[in-house]
Amino acid sequence: MAILRTVLWSLAKRAAADPRVQKKAGQAFRTVDRKMDKAADKVADVAAAKDPAREAGKMLGAFLSGEKRPKG
């Protein structure tokens, strides 16, 4: 098992030293980073649109007034 680990480690080090691999890794990182930024922006927009305190207040108000569903 130690031999296999040593061989894999040396292959990984060689691949990491290759400029082509480094360039591809940089491109992949930038692509993933852009996608994560877009996803985070979408989550922030949804969170801003749905205020949990306001939603809870609407539900409590509807319950106390006898409505079946809150309006708005």
N, C-alpha and C. Protein backbone atom coordinates (compact mmCIF):
# COMPACT_ATOMS: atom_id res chain seq x y z
N MET A 1 0.82 -1.19 0.00
CA MET A 1 0.00 0.00 0.00
C MET A 1 0.86 1.25 0.00
N ALA A 2 1.97 1.21 0.72
CA ALA A 2 2.86 2.36 0.79
C ALA A 2 3.50 2.64 -0.58
N ILE A 3 3.77 1.58 -1.33
CA ILE A 3 4.36 1.76 -2.66
C ILE A 3 3.37 2.47 -3.58
N LEU A 4 2.14 2.06 -3.54
CA LEU A 4 1.11 2.69 -4.36
C LEU A 4 0.94 4.16 -3.98
N ARG A 5 0.92 4.45 -2.69
CA ARG A 5 0.80 5.84 -2.25
C ARG A 5 1.98 6.67 -2.72
N THR A 6 3.19 6.11 -2.66
CA THR A 6 4.38 6.82 -3.09
C THR A 6 4.34 7.09 -4.59
N VAL A 7 3.93 6.11 -5.37
CA VAL A 7 3.85 6.27 -6.82
C VAL A 7 2.80 7.34 -7.17
N LEU A 8 1.63 7.26 -6.55
CA LEU A 8 0.58 8.24 -6.82
C LEU A 8 1.03 9.65 -6.42
N TRP A 9 1.71 9.77 -5.31
CA TRP A 9 2.19 11.07 -4.86
C TRP A 9 3.20 11.65 -5.84
N SER A 10 4.11 10.82 -6.33
CA SER A 10 5.10 11.33 -7.28
C SER A 10 4.45 11.72 -8.60
N LEU A 11 3.44 10.97 -9.05
CA LEU A 11 2.72 11.34 -10.26
C LEU A 11 1.97 12.66 -10.08
N ALA A 12 1.39 12.84 -8.93
CA ALA A 12 0.65 14.08 -8.66
C ALA A 12 1.61 15.28 -8.63
N LYS A 13 2.79 15.09 -8.06
CA LYS A 13 3.76 16.18 -8.02
C LYS A 13 4.25 16.53 -9.43
N ARG A 14 4.47 15.51 -10.26
CA ARG A 14 4.89 15.77 -11.64
C ARG A 14 3.81 16.50 -12.41
N ALA A 15 2.57 16.07 -12.23
CA ALA A 15 1.46 16.72 -12.94
C ALA A 15 1.31 18.17 -12.48
N ALA A 16 1.49 18.42 -11.20
CA ALA A 16 1.36 19.78 -10.68
C ALA A 16 2.47 20.69 -11.18
N ALA A 17 3.61 20.13 -11.51
CA ALA A 17 4.73 20.92 -12.01
C ALA A 17 4.59 21.24 -13.49
N ASP A 18 3.68 20.57 -14.18
CA ASP A 18 3.50 20.78 -15.62
C ASP A 18 2.75 22.09 -15.86
N PRO A 19 3.31 23.00 -16.67
CA PRO A 19 2.65 24.29 -16.92
C PRO A 19 1.27 24.15 -17.57
N ARG A 20 1.07 23.14 -18.39
CA ARG A 20 -0.24 22.95 -19.02
C ARG A 20 -1.30 22.60 -17.98
N VAL A 21 -0.91 21.76 -17.03
CA VAL A 21 -1.84 21.38 -15.97
C VAL A 21 -2.14 22.58 -15.08
N GLN A 22 -1.13 23.39 -14.80
CA GLN A 22 -1.33 24.58 -13.99
C GLN A 22 -2.29 25.56 -14.67
N LYS A 23 -2.12 25.73 -15.98
CA LYS A 23 -3.00 26.64 -16.73
C LYS A 23 -4.44 26.14 -16.70
N LYS A 24 -4.62 24.84 -16.93
CA LYS A 24 -5.97 24.26 -16.92
C LYS A 24 -6.59 24.37 -15.53
N ALA A 25 -5.82 24.16 -14.48
CA ALA A 25 -6.34 24.27 -13.12
C ALA A 25 -6.77 25.70 -12.83
N GLY A 26 -6.01 26.67 -13.31
CA GLY A 26 -6.38 28.07 -13.12
C GLY A 26 -7.68 28.40 -13.82
N GLN A 27 -7.85 27.90 -15.04
CA GLN A 27 -9.09 28.14 -15.78
C GLN A 27 -10.28 27.49 -15.07
N ALA A 28 -10.09 26.28 -14.60
CA ALA A 28 -11.16 25.58 -13.90
C ALA A 28 -11.54 26.32 -12.62
N PHE A 29 -10.56 26.83 -11.91
CA PHE A 29 -10.82 27.57 -10.68
C PHE A 29 -11.64 28.82 -10.96
N ARG A 30 -11.25 29.56 -12.00
CA ARG A 30 -11.97 30.79 -12.33
C ARG A 30 -13.41 30.50 -12.74
N THR A 31 -13.62 29.41 -13.49
CA THR A 31 -14.96 29.04 -13.92
C THR A 31 -15.83 28.68 -12.71
N VAL A 32 -15.30 27.86 -11.84
CA VAL A 32 -16.05 27.45 -10.65
C VAL A 32 -16.31 28.65 -9.75
N ASP A 33 -15.34 29.54 -9.63
CA ASP A 33 -15.49 30.72 -8.79
C ASP A 33 -16.62 31.60 -9.31
N ARG A 34 -16.69 31.78 -10.65
CA ARG A 34 -17.76 32.58 -11.24
C ARG A 34 -19.12 31.96 -10.96
N LYS A 35 -19.21 30.63 -11.12
CA LYS A 35 -20.48 29.94 -10.90
C LYS A 35 -20.91 30.05 -9.44
N MET A 36 -19.96 29.95 -8.53
CA MET A 36 -20.29 30.06 -7.11
C MET A 36 -20.74 31.48 -6.76
N ASP A 37 -20.11 32.48 -7.38
CA ASP A 37 -20.53 33.86 -7.15
C ASP A 37 -21.96 34.08 -7.62
N LYS A 38 -22.29 33.55 -8.79
CA LYS A 38 -23.66 33.70 -9.32
C LYS A 38 -24.67 33.01 -8.40
N ALA A 39 -24.33 31.82 -7.93
CA ALA A 39 -25.23 31.09 -7.03
C ALA A 39 -25.41 31.85 -5.72
N ALA A 40 -24.34 32.42 -5.19
CA ALA A 40 -24.43 33.18 -3.95
C ALA A 40 -25.29 34.42 -4.14
N ASP A 41 -25.18 35.06 -5.30
CA ASP A 41 -26.01 36.23 -5.57
C ASP A 41 -27.49 35.85 -5.63
N LYS A 42 -27.79 34.71 -6.25
CA LYS A 42 -29.18 34.25 -6.33
C LYS A 42 -29.73 33.96 -4.93
N VAL A 43 -28.94 33.32 -4.11
CA VAL A 43 -29.37 33.01 -2.74
C VAL A 43 -29.62 34.30 -1.96
N ALA A 44 -28.74 35.27 -2.12
CA ALA A 44 -28.91 36.54 -1.42
C ALA A 44 -30.18 37.26 -1.88
N ASP A 45 -30.46 37.20 -3.17
CA ASP A 45 -31.69 37.83 -3.69
C ASP A 45 -32.93 37.16 -3.11
N VAL A 46 -32.92 35.84 -3.08
CA VAL A 46 -34.08 35.12 -2.53
C VAL A 46 -34.23 35.42 -1.04
N ALA A 47 -33.12 35.46 -0.33
CA ALA A 47 -33.18 35.74 1.10
C ALA A 47 -33.70 37.14 1.37
N ALA A 48 -33.33 38.09 0.51
CA ALA A 48 -33.80 39.46 0.69
C ALA A 48 -35.30 39.57 0.38
N ALA A 49 -35.77 38.79 -0.58
CA ALA A 49 -37.18 38.83 -0.96
C ALA A 49 -38.07 38.18 0.10
N LYS A 50 -37.58 37.15 0.75
CA LYS A 50 -38.36 36.42 1.76
C LYS A 50 -37.79 36.71 3.14
N ASP A 51 -38.40 37.65 3.82
CA ASP A 51 -37.99 37.98 5.18
C ASP A 51 -38.72 37.05 6.14
N PRO A 52 -38.01 36.18 6.85
CA PRO A 52 -38.67 35.22 7.73
C PRO A 52 -39.53 35.87 8.82
N ALA A 53 -39.08 36.98 9.34
CA ALA A 53 -39.85 37.65 10.39
C ALA A 53 -41.17 38.16 9.82
N ARG A 54 -41.13 38.71 8.63
CA ARG A 54 -42.35 39.23 8.01
C ARG A 54 -43.31 38.09 7.69
N GLU A 55 -42.78 36.97 7.17
CA GLU A 55 -43.63 35.83 6.85
C GLU A 55 -44.29 35.27 8.12
N ALA A 56 -43.52 35.19 9.20
CA ALA A 56 -44.08 34.69 10.46
C ALA A 56 -45.14 35.64 10.99
N GLY A 57 -44.89 36.94 10.84
CA GLY A 57 -45.87 37.93 11.27
C GLY A 57 -47.17 37.84 10.48
N LYS A 58 -47.04 37.59 9.18
CA LYS A 58 -48.24 37.44 8.34
C LYS A 58 -49.05 36.22 8.78
N MET A 59 -48.35 35.13 9.03
CA MET A 59 -49.05 33.92 9.43
C MET A 59 -49.72 34.10 10.80
N LEU A 60 -49.04 34.74 11.73
CA LEU A 60 -49.62 34.96 13.05
C LEU A 60 -50.83 35.89 12.95
N GLY A 61 -50.70 36.94 12.16
CA GLY A 61 -51.81 37.86 11.97
C GLY A 61 -53.01 37.17 11.35
N ALA A 62 -52.77 36.30 10.35
CA ALA A 62 -53.86 35.57 9.72
C ALA A 62 -54.51 34.62 10.71
N PHE A 63 -53.72 34.00 11.54
CA PHE A 63 -54.26 33.06 12.53
C PHE A 63 -55.13 33.80 13.54
N LEU A 64 -54.63 34.92 14.01
CA LEU A 64 -55.38 35.68 15.03
C LEU A 64 -56.66 36.30 14.46
N SER A 65 -56.63 36.67 13.17
CA SER A 65 -57.82 37.29 12.58
C SER A 65 -58.81 36.23 12.07
N GLY A 66 -58.41 34.98 12.06
CA GLY A 66 -59.31 33.91 11.63
C GLY A 66 -59.26 33.62 10.14
N GLU A 67 -58.34 34.24 9.42
CA GLU A 67 -58.19 33.96 7.98
C GLU A 67 -57.54 32.59 7.81
N LYS A 68 -57.88 31.99 6.67
CA LYS A 68 -57.26 30.69 6.40
C LYS A 68 -55.86 30.87 5.82
N ARG A 69 -55.68 31.86 4.95
CA ARG A 69 -54.38 32.10 4.35
C ARG A 69 -54.03 33.58 4.46
N PRO A 70 -52.77 33.90 4.68
CA PRO A 70 -52.39 35.31 4.72
C PRO A 70 -52.43 35.92 3.32
N LYS A 71 -52.80 37.18 3.24
CA LYS A 71 -52.85 37.87 1.96
C LYS A 71 -51.50 38.51 1.70
N GLY A 72 -51.11 38.51 0.41
CA GLY A 72 -49.91 39.22 0.00
C GLY A 72 -48.73 38.41 0.13
